[in-house]
Amino acid sequence: MEVSELMSKLFKIPLVLEPQKEGGWTVTSPVLPELVTEVDNLRQLDEVVRDALNAVKELYEDMGKEFPAGLIADGMKSPVWFESLISAEP
């Protein structure tokens, strides 16, 4: 996959991880209220959010609703600033 093709599929989406009493986290986004999912292991976060995002995109298409253009990362034209959770040794 070329860099331009990869960048055209990247999205900048703020996420909120809310810890659950029974373990794991509920994942939501303040800019996409339809994005709601759960994850037990943070190593699976990328995969779980990707699946939820694809479901939201499909929902928008089915409803004829335009996906917010401001959430598409256009790293080929400007820098992309993002935050990430990184596991590191204490």
PDB file of N, CA and C in Angstrom:
ATOM      1  N   MET A   1       0.854  -1.171   0.000  1.00  0.00           N
ATOM      2  CA  MET A   1       0.000   0.000   0.000  1.00  0.00           C
ATOM      3  C   MET A   1       0.904   1.239   0.000  1.00  0.00           C
ATOM      4  N   GLU A   2       0.627   2.170  -0.901  1.00  0.00           N
ATOM      5  CA  GLU A   2       1.411   3.396  -0.975  1.00  0.00           C
ATOM      6  C   GLU A   2       1.044   4.332   0.165  1.00  0.00           C
ATOM      7  N   VAL A   3       1.980   5.236   0.493  1.00  0.00           N
ATOM      8  CA  VAL A   3       1.765   6.165   1.595  1.00  0.00           C
ATOM      9  C   VAL A   3       0.514   6.999   1.361  1.00  0.00           C
ATOM     10  N   SER A   4       0.306   7.496   0.154  1.00  0.00           N
ATOM     11  CA  SER A   4      -0.861   8.343  -0.112  1.00  0.00           C
ATOM     12  C   SER A   4      -2.158   7.560   0.086  1.00  0.00           C
ATOM     13  N   GLU A   5      -2.172   6.283  -0.295  1.00  0.00           N
ATOM     14  CA  GLU A   5      -3.369   5.462  -0.097  1.00  0.00           C
ATOM     15  C   GLU A   5      -3.606   5.202   1.392  1.00  0.00           C
ATOM     16  N   LEU A   6      -2.529   4.940   2.125  1.00  0.00           N
ATOM     17  CA  LEU A   6      -2.637   4.723   3.567  1.00  0.00           C
ATOM     18  C   LEU A   6      -3.150   5.981   4.261  1.00  0.00           C
ATOM     19  N   MET A   7      -2.590   7.134   3.923  1.00  0.00           N
ATOM     20  CA  MET A   7      -2.990   8.391   4.564  1.00  0.00           C
ATOM     21  C   MET A   7      -4.439   8.745   4.245  1.00  0.00           C
ATOM     22  N   SER A   8      -4.941   8.327   3.087  1.00  0.00           N
ATOM     23  CA  SER A   8      -6.326   8.649   2.734  1.00  0.00           C
ATOM     24  C   SER A   8      -7.312   7.854   3.576  1.00  0.00           C
ATOM     25  N   LYS A   9      -6.818   6.862   4.310  1.00  0.00           N
ATOM     26  CA  LYS A   9      -7.683   6.033   5.144  1.00  0.00           C
ATOM     27  C   LYS A   9      -7.479   6.290   6.627  1.00  0.00           C
ATOM     28  N   LEU A  10      -6.751   7.335   6.970  1.00  0.00           N
ATOM     29  CA  LEU A  10      -6.518   7.665   8.371  1.00  0.00           C
ATOM     30  C   LEU A  10      -7.515   8.723   8.842  1.00  0.00           C
ATOM     31  N   PHE A  11      -7.951   8.552  10.079  1.00  0.00           N
ATOM     32  CA  PHE A  11      -8.915   9.479  10.658  1.00  0.00           C
ATOM     33  C   PHE A  11      -8.386   9.996  11.984  1.00  0.00           C
ATOM     34  N   LYS A  12      -8.629  11.271  12.265  1.00  0.00           N
ATOM     35  CA  LYS A  12      -8.251  11.889  13.542  1.00  0.00           C
ATOM     36  C   LYS A  12      -9.504  11.944  14.403  1.00  0.00           C
ATOM     37  N   ILE A  13      -9.605  11.021  15.341  1.00  0.00           N
ATOM     38  CA  ILE A  13     -10.822  10.936  16.140  1.00  0.00           C
ATOM     39  C   ILE A  13     -10.454  10.914  17.623  1.00  0.00           C
ATOM     40  N   PRO A  14     -10.886  11.939  18.371  1.00  0.00           N
ATOM     41  CA  PRO A  14     -10.634  11.901  19.813  1.00  0.00           C
ATOM     42  C   PRO A  14     -11.449  10.774  20.452  1.00  0.00           C
ATOM     43  N   LEU A  15     -10.806  10.067  21.349  1.00  0.00           N
ATOM     44  CA  LEU A  15     -11.461   8.952  22.029  1.00  0.00           C
ATOM     45  C   LEU A  15     -11.426   9.156  23.531  1.00  0.00           C
ATOM     46  N   VAL A  16     -12.453   8.672  24.202  1.00  0.00           N
ATOM     47  CA  VAL A  16     -12.518   8.688  25.658  1.00  0.00           C
ATOM     48  C   VAL A  16     -12.599   7.235  26.109  1.00  0.00           C
ATOM     49  N   LEU A  17     -11.660   6.827  26.963  1.00  0.00           N
ATOM     50  CA  LEU A  17     -11.665   5.477  27.522  1.00  0.00           C
ATOM     51  C   LEU A  17     -12.121   5.576  28.969  1.00  0.00           C
ATOM     52  N   GLU A  18     -13.274   5.002  29.241  1.00  0.00           N
ATOM     53  CA  GLU A  18     -13.829   5.043  30.590  1.00  0.00           C
ATOM     54  C   GLU A  18     -13.670   3.662  31.223  1.00  0.00           C
ATOM     55  N   PRO A  19     -12.879   3.573  32.313  1.00  0.00           N
ATOM     56  CA  PRO A  19     -12.694   2.266  32.951  1.00  0.00           C
ATOM     57  C   PRO A  19     -14.006   1.737  33.528  1.00  0.00           C
ATOM     58  N   GLN A  20     -14.202   0.431  33.410  1.00  0.00           N
ATOM     59  CA  GLN A  20     -15.393  -0.223  33.924  1.00  0.00           C
ATOM     60  C   GLN A  20     -15.062  -0.994  35.201  1.00  0.00           C
ATOM     61  N   LYS A  21     -15.994  -1.037  36.130  1.00  0.00           N
ATOM     62  CA  LYS A  21     -15.783  -1.719  37.418  1.00  0.00           C
ATOM     63  C   LYS A  21     -15.389  -3.175  37.224  1.00  0.00           C
ATOM     64  N   GLU A  22     -16.024  -3.825  36.252  1.00  0.00           N
ATOM     65  CA  GLU A  22     -15.773  -5.244  36.029  1.00  0.00           C
ATOM     66  C   GLU A  22     -14.507  -5.504  35.210  1.00  0.00           C
ATOM     67  N   GLY A  23     -13.829  -4.443  34.818  1.00  0.00           N
ATOM     68  CA  GLY A  23     -12.618  -4.551  34.000  1.00  0.00           C
ATOM     69  C   GLY A  23     -12.882  -4.084  32.588  1.00  0.00           C
ATOM     70  N   GLY A  24     -11.843  -3.711  31.923  1.00  0.00           N
ATOM     71  CA  GLY A  24     -11.961  -3.214  30.564  1.00  0.00           C
ATOM     72  C   GLY A  24     -12.397  -1.754  30.531  1.00  0.00           C
ATOM     73  N   TRP A  25     -12.671  -1.273  29.340  1.00  0.00           N
ATOM     74  CA  TRP A  25     -13.017   0.124  29.138  1.00  0.00           C
ATOM     75  C   TRP A  25     -14.155   0.245  28.138  1.00  0.00           C
ATOM     76  N   THR A  26     -14.959   1.269  28.318  1.00  0.00           N
ATOM     77  CA  THR A  26     -15.911   1.684  27.304  1.00  0.00           C
ATOM     78  C   THR A  26     -15.236   2.795  26.512  1.00  0.00           C
ATOM     79  N   VAL A  27     -15.299   2.698  25.192  1.00  0.00           N
ATOM     80  CA  VAL A  27     -14.637   3.662  24.312  1.00  0.00           C
ATOM     81  C   VAL A  27     -15.714   4.452  23.573  1.00  0.00           C
ATOM     82  N   THR A  28     -15.644   5.777  23.682  1.00  0.00           N
ATOM     83  CA  THR A  28     -16.581   6.658  22.984  1.00  0.00           C
ATOM     84  C   THR A  28     -15.792   7.794  22.338  1.00  0.00           C
ATOM     85  N   SER A  29     -16.488   8.580  21.536  1.00  0.00           N
ATOM     86  CA  SER A  29     -15.876   9.754  20.919  1.00  0.00           C
ATOM     87  C   SER A  29     -16.825  10.938  21.068  1.00  0.00           C
ATOM     88  N   PRO A  30     -16.318  12.061  21.571  1.00  0.00           N
ATOM     89  CA  PRO A  30     -17.182  13.236  21.718  1.00  0.00           C
ATOM     90  C   PRO A  30     -17.625  13.832  20.375  1.00  0.00           C
ATOM     91  N   VAL A  31     -16.930  13.517  19.290  1.00  0.00           N
ATOM     92  CA  VAL A  31     -17.295  14.085  17.984  1.00  0.00           C
ATOM     93  C   VAL A  31     -18.105  13.112  17.123  1.00  0.00           C
ATOM     94  N   LEU A  32     -18.142  11.846  17.520  1.00  0.00           N
ATOM     95  CA  LEU A  32     -18.947  10.841  16.829  1.00  0.00           C
ATOM     96  C   LEU A  32     -19.762  10.091  17.886  1.00  0.00           C
ATOM     97  N   PRO A  33     -20.900  10.613  18.270  1.00  0.00           N
ATOM     98  CA  PRO A  33     -21.672   9.986  19.341  1.00  0.00           C
ATOM     99  C   PRO A  33     -22.101   8.559  19.017  1.00  0.00           C
ATOM    100  N   GLU A  34     -22.109   8.201  17.745  1.00  0.00           N
ATOM    101  CA  GLU A  34     -22.494   6.847  17.351  1.00  0.00           C
ATOM    102  C   GLU A  34     -21.377   5.832  17.622  1.00  0.00           C
ATOM    103  N   LEU A  35     -20.167   6.320  17.848  1.00  0.00           N
ATOM    104  CA  LEU A  35     -19.044   5.418  18.097  1.00  0.00           C
ATOM    105  C   LEU A  35     -19.014   5.052  19.581  1.00  0.00           C
ATOM    106  N   VAL A  36     -19.433   3.837  19.872  1.00  0.00           N
ATOM    107  CA  VAL A  36     -19.426   3.315  21.231  1.00  0.00           C
ATOM    108  C   VAL A  36     -19.001   1.855  21.138  1.00  0.00           C
ATOM    109  N   THR A  37     -17.970   1.489  21.873  1.00  0.00           N
ATOM    110  CA  THR A  37     -17.500   0.115  21.865  1.00  0.00           C
ATOM    111  C   THR A  37     -16.843  -0.190  23.201  1.00  0.00           C
ATOM    112  N   GLU A  38     -16.427  -1.416  23.371  1.00  0.00           N
ATOM    113  CA  GLU A  38     -15.753  -1.828  24.596  1.00  0.00           C
ATOM    114  C   GLU A  38     -14.489  -2.587  24.245  1.00  0.00           C
ATOM    115  N   VAL A  39     -13.526  -2.505  25.136  1.00  0.00           N
ATOM    116  CA  VAL A  39     -12.278  -3.243  24.946  1.00  0.00           C
ATOM    117  C   VAL A  39     -11.816  -3.754  26.306  1.00  0.00           C
ATOM    118  N   ASP A  40     -11.351  -4.999  26.329  1.00  0.00           N
ATOM    119  CA  ASP A  40     -10.846  -5.590  27.564  1.00  0.00           C
ATOM    120  C   ASP A  40      -9.347  -5.401  27.709  1.00  0.00           C
ATOM    121  N   ASN A  41      -8.649  -5.394  26.583  1.00  0.00           N
ATOM    122  CA  ASN A  41      -7.192  -5.317  26.571  1.00  0.00           C
ATOM    123  C   ASN A  41      -6.781  -4.152  25.661  1.00  0.00           C
ATOM    124  N   LEU A  42      -6.014  -3.223  26.178  1.00  0.00           N
ATOM    125  CA  LEU A  42      -5.636  -2.043  25.382  1.00  0.00           C
ATOM    126  C   LEU A  42      -4.816  -2.402  24.145  1.00  0.00           C
ATOM    127  N   ARG A  43      -4.227  -3.572  24.131  1.00  0.00           N
ATOM    128  CA  ARG A  43      -3.501  -4.000  22.922  1.00  0.00           C
ATOM    129  C   ARG A  43      -4.465  -4.199  21.751  1.00  0.00           C
ATOM    130  N   GLN A  44      -5.737  -4.373  22.047  1.00  0.00           N
ATOM    131  CA  GLN A  44      -6.753  -4.567  21.013  1.00  0.00           C
ATOM    132  C   GLN A  44      -7.462  -3.267  20.642  1.00  0.00           C
ATOM    133  N   LEU A  45      -7.062  -2.169  21.246  1.00  0.00           N
ATOM    134  CA  LEU A  45      -7.768  -0.898  21.062  1.00  0.00           C
ATOM    135  C   LEU A  45      -7.865  -0.494  19.594  1.00  0.00           C
ATOM    136  N   ASP A  46      -6.766  -0.554  18.866  1.00  0.00           N
ATOM    137  CA  ASP A  46      -6.767  -0.135  17.463  1.00  0.00           C
ATOM    138  C   ASP A  46      -7.772  -0.957  16.644  1.00  0.00           C
ATOM    139  N   GLU A  47      -7.755  -2.251  16.818  1.00  0.00           N
ATOM    140  CA  GLU A  47      -8.653  -3.131  16.070  1.00  0.00           C
ATOM    141  C   GLU A  47     -10.119  -2.879  16.427  1.00  0.00           C
ATOM    142  N   VAL A  48     -10.403  -2.739  17.716  1.00  0.00           N
ATOM    143  CA  VAL A  48     -11.775  -2.540  18.181  1.00  0.00           C
ATOM    144  C   VAL A  48     -12.317  -1.198  17.684  1.00  0.00           C
ATOM    145  N   VAL A  49     -11.500  -0.145  17.771  1.00  0.00           N
ATOM    146  CA  VAL A  49     -11.944   1.175  17.313  1.00  0.00           C
ATOM    147  C   VAL A  49     -12.100   1.192  15.796  1.00  0.00           C
ATOM    148  N   ARG A  50     -11.205   0.515  15.088  1.00  0.00           N
ATOM    149  CA  ARG A  50     -11.323   0.443  13.622  1.00  0.00           C
ATOM    150  C   ARG A  50     -12.656  -0.202  13.235  1.00  0.00           C
ATOM    151  N   ASP A  51     -13.014  -1.300  13.888  1.00  0.00           N
ATOM    152  CA  ASP A  51     -14.296  -1.958  13.599  1.00  0.00           C
ATOM    153  C   ASP A  51     -15.472  -1.032  13.906  1.00  0.00           C
ATOM    154  N   ALA A  52     -15.423  -0.347  15.039  1.00  0.00           N
ATOM    155  CA  ALA A  52     -16.499   0.572  15.413  1.00  0.00           C
ATOM    156  C   ALA A  52     -16.589   1.732  14.423  1.00  0.00           C
ATOM    157  N   LEU A  53     -15.445   2.268  14.013  1.00  0.00           N
ATOM    158  CA  LEU A  53     -15.431   3.378  13.054  1.00  0.00           C
ATOM    159  C   LEU A  53     -16.014   2.933  11.714  1.00  0.00           C
ATOM    160  N   ASN A  54     -15.650   1.750  11.256  1.00  0.00           N
ATOM    161  CA  ASN A  54     -16.207   1.245   9.996  1.00  0.00           C
ATOM    162  C   ASN A  54     -17.720   1.096  10.096  1.00  0.00           C
ATOM    163  N   ALA A  55     -18.218   0.666  11.251  1.00  0.00           N
ATOM    164  CA  ALA A  55     -19.664   0.548  11.448  1.00  0.00           C
ATOM    165  C   ALA A  55     -20.332   1.928  11.413  1.00  0.00           C
ATOM    166  N   VAL A  56     -19.695   2.922  12.015  1.00  0.00           N
ATOM    167  CA  VAL A  56     -20.237   4.290  12.010  1.00  0.00           C
ATOM    168  C   VAL A  56     -20.244   4.841  10.586  1.00  0.00           C
ATOM    169  N   LYS A  57     -19.157   4.630   9.844  1.00  0.00           N
ATOM    170  CA  LYS A  57     -19.105   5.105   8.455  1.00  0.00           C
ATOM    171  C   LYS A  57     -20.219   4.467   7.631  1.00  0.00           C
ATOM    172  N   GLU A  58     -20.449   3.162   7.829  1.00  0.00           N
ATOM    173  CA  GLU A  58     -21.517   2.462   7.112  1.00  0.00           C
ATOM    174  C   GLU A  58     -22.887   3.016   7.502  1.00  0.00           C
ATOM    175  N   LEU A  59     -23.078   3.292   8.792  1.00  0.00           N
ATOM    176  CA  LEU A  59     -24.329   3.884   9.263  1.00  0.00           C
ATOM    177  C   LEU A  59     -24.566   5.237   8.597  1.00  0.00           C
ATOM    178  N   TYR A  60     -23.525   6.069   8.536  1.00  0.00           N
ATOM    179  CA  TYR A  60     -23.653   7.377   7.895  1.00  0.00           C
ATOM    180  C   TYR A  60     -24.047   7.218   6.420  1.00  0.00           C
ATOM    181  N   GLU A  61     -23.411   6.273   5.733  1.00  0.00           N
ATOM    182  CA  GLU A  61     -23.731   6.036   4.322  1.00  0.00           C
ATOM    183  C   GLU A  61     -25.196   5.612   4.173  1.00  0.00           C
ATOM    184  N   ASP A  62     -25.637   4.675   5.024  1.00  0.00           N
ATOM    185  CA  ASP A  62     -27.017   4.191   4.963  1.00  0.00           C
ATOM    186  C   ASP A  62     -28.025   5.303   5.226  1.00  0.00           C
ATOM    187  N   MET A  63     -27.663   6.246   6.096  1.00  0.00           N
ATOM    188  CA  MET A  63     -28.554   7.344   6.443  1.00  0.00           C
ATOM    189  C   MET A  63     -28.431   8.526   5.479  1.00  0.00           C
ATOM    190  N   GLY A  64     -27.468   8.450   4.572  1.00  0.00           N
ATOM    191  CA  GLY A  64     -27.233   9.570   3.657  1.00  0.00           C
ATOM    192  C   GLY A  64     -26.610  10.757   4.354  1.00  0.00           C
ATOM    193  N   LYS A  65     -25.976  10.495   5.480  1.00  0.00           N
ATOM    194  CA  LYS A  65     -25.350  11.545   6.285  1.00  0.00           C
ATOM    195  C   LYS A  65     -23.877  11.647   5.905  1.00  0.00           C
ATOM    196  N   GLU A  66     -23.385  12.874   5.757  1.00  0.00           N
ATOM    197  CA  GLU A  66     -21.987  13.075   5.374  1.00  0.00           C
ATOM    198  C   GLU A  66     -21.072  12.872   6.583  1.00  0.00           C
ATOM    199  N   PHE A  67     -20.022  12.089   6.380  1.00  0.00           N
ATOM    200  CA  PHE A  67     -19.037  11.878   7.443  1.00  0.00           C
ATOM    201  C   PHE A  67     -18.267  13.179   7.634  1.00  0.00           C
ATOM    202  N   PRO A  68     -18.040  13.607   8.873  1.00  0.00           N
ATOM    203  CA  PRO A  68     -17.352  14.889   9.108  1.00  0.00           C
ATOM    204  C   PRO A  68     -15.973  14.950   8.445  1.00  0.00           C
ATOM    205  N   ALA A  69     -15.819  15.847   7.486  1.00  0.00           N
ATOM    206  CA  ALA A  69     -14.568  15.953   6.727  1.00  0.00           C
ATOM    207  C   ALA A  69     -13.382  16.306   7.620  1.00  0.00           C
ATOM    208  N   GLY A  70     -13.632  17.036   8.705  1.00  0.00           N
ATOM    209  CA  GLY A  70     -12.547  17.438   9.597  1.00  0.00           C
ATOM    210  C   GLY A  70     -11.903  16.281  10.334  1.00  0.00           C
ATOM    211  N   LEU A  71     -12.501  15.097  10.260  1.00  0.00           N
ATOM    212  CA  LEU A  71     -11.941  13.936  10.942  1.00  0.00           C
ATOM    213  C   LEU A  71     -11.009  13.119  10.058  1.00  0.00           C
ATOM    214  N   ILE A  72     -10.951  13.476   8.781  1.00  0.00           N
ATOM    215  CA  ILE A  72     -10.071  12.766   7.853  1.00  0.00           C
ATOM    216  C   ILE A  72      -8.685  13.380   7.945  1.00  0.00           C
ATOM    217  N   ALA A  73      -7.688  12.550   8.277  1.00  0.00           N
ATOM    218  CA  ALA A  73      -6.306  13.023   8.399  1.00  0.00           C
ATOM    219  C   ALA A  73      -5.728  13.181   7.002  1.00  0.00           C
ATOM    220  N   ASP A  74      -5.300  14.368   6.676  1.00  0.00           N
ATOM    221  CA  ASP A  74      -4.730  14.628   5.355  1.00  0.00           C
ATOM    222  C   ASP A  74      -3.236  14.861   5.514  1.00  0.00           C
ATOM    223  N   GLY A  75      -2.522  13.825   5.902  1.00  0.00           N
ATOM    224  CA  GLY A  75      -1.091  13.919   6.165  1.00  0.00           C
ATOM    225  C   GLY A  75      -0.240  14.160   4.945  1.00  0.00           C
ATOM    226  N   MET A  76      -0.823  14.070   3.765  1.00  0.00           N
ATOM    227  CA  MET A  76      -0.052  14.331   2.555  1.00  0.00           C
ATOM    228  C   MET A  76       0.047  15.833   2.286  1.00  0.00           C
ATOM    229  N   LYS A  77      -0.824  16.635   2.922  1.00  0.00           N
ATOM    230  CA  LYS A  77      -0.822  18.071   2.670  1.00  0.00           C
ATOM    231  C   LYS A  77      -0.403  18.881   3.888  1.00  0.00           C
ATOM    232  N   SER A  78      -0.537  18.295   5.059  1.00  0.00           N
ATOM    233  CA  SER A  78      -0.172  19.014   6.269  1.00  0.00           C
ATOM    234  C   SER A  78       0.192  18.006   7.356  1.00  0.00           C
ATOM    235  N   PRO A  79       0.921  18.458   8.376  1.00  0.00           N
ATOM    236  CA  PRO A  79       1.268  17.545   9.465  1.00  0.00           C
ATOM    237  C   PRO A  79       0.023  17.035  10.184  1.00  0.00           C
ATOM    238  N   VAL A  80       0.124  15.844  10.737  1.00  0.00           N
ATOM    239  CA  VAL A  80      -0.964  15.257  11.505  1.00  0.00           C
ATOM    240  C   VAL A  80      -0.502  15.153  12.948  1.00  0.00           C
ATOM    241  N   TRP A  81      -1.214  15.814  13.842  1.00  0.00           N
ATOM    242  CA  TRP A  81      -0.890  15.763  15.265  1.00  0.00           C
ATOM    243  C   TRP A  81      -1.834  14.765  15.915  1.00  0.00           C
ATOM    244  N   PHE A  82      -1.289  13.835  16.671  1.00  0.00           N
ATOM    245  CA  PHE A  82      -2.140  12.879  17.364  1.00  0.00           C
ATOM    246  C   PHE A  82      -1.515  12.485  18.687  1.00  0.00           C
ATOM    247  N   GLU A  83      -2.367  12.016  19.568  1.00  0.00           N
ATOM    248  CA  GLU A  83      -1.920  11.487  20.853  1.00  0.00           C
ATOM    249  C   GLU A  83      -2.142   9.991  20.824  1.00  0.00           C
ATOM    250  N   SER A  84      -1.325   9.265  21.560  1.00  0.00           N
ATOM    251  CA  SER A  84      -1.443   7.826  21.554  1.00  0.00           C
ATOM    252  C   SER A  84      -1.159   7.279  22.945  1.00  0.00           C
ATOM    253  N   LEU A  85      -1.719   6.132  23.256  1.00  0.00           N
ATOM    254  CA  LEU A  85      -1.411   5.431  24.498  1.00  0.00           C
ATOM    255  C   LEU A  85      -0.290   4.450  24.201  1.00  0.00           C
ATOM    256  N   ILE A  86       0.791   4.558  24.929  1.00  0.00           N
ATOM    257  CA  ILE A  86       1.947   3.700  24.734  1.00  0.00           C
ATOM    258  C   ILE A  86       2.247   2.988  26.041  1.00  0.00           C
ATOM    259  N   SER A  87       2.377   1.689  25.978  1.00  0.00           N
ATOM    260  CA  SER A  87       2.732   0.927  27.178  1.00  0.00           C
ATOM    261  C   SER A  87       4.250   0.929  27.305  1.00  0.00           C
ATOM    262  N   ALA A  88       4.737   1.283  28.482  1.00  0.00           N
ATOM    263  CA  ALA A  88       6.182   1.321  28.723  1.00  0.00           C
ATOM    264  C   ALA A  88       6.476   0.748  30.116  1.00  0.00           C
ATOM    265  N   GLU A  89       7.674   0.272  30.291  1.00  0.00           N
ATOM    266  CA  GLU A  89       8.085  -0.256  31.574  1.00  0.00           C
ATOM    267  C   GLU A  89       8.205   0.898  32.567  1.00  0.00           C
ATOM    268  N   PRO A  90       7.810   0.680  33.839  1.00  0.00           N
ATOM    269  CA  PRO A  90       7.907   1.751  34.840  1.00  0.00           C
ATOM    270  C   PRO A  90       9.348   2.075  35.174  1.00  0.00           C
TER     271      PRO A  90
END
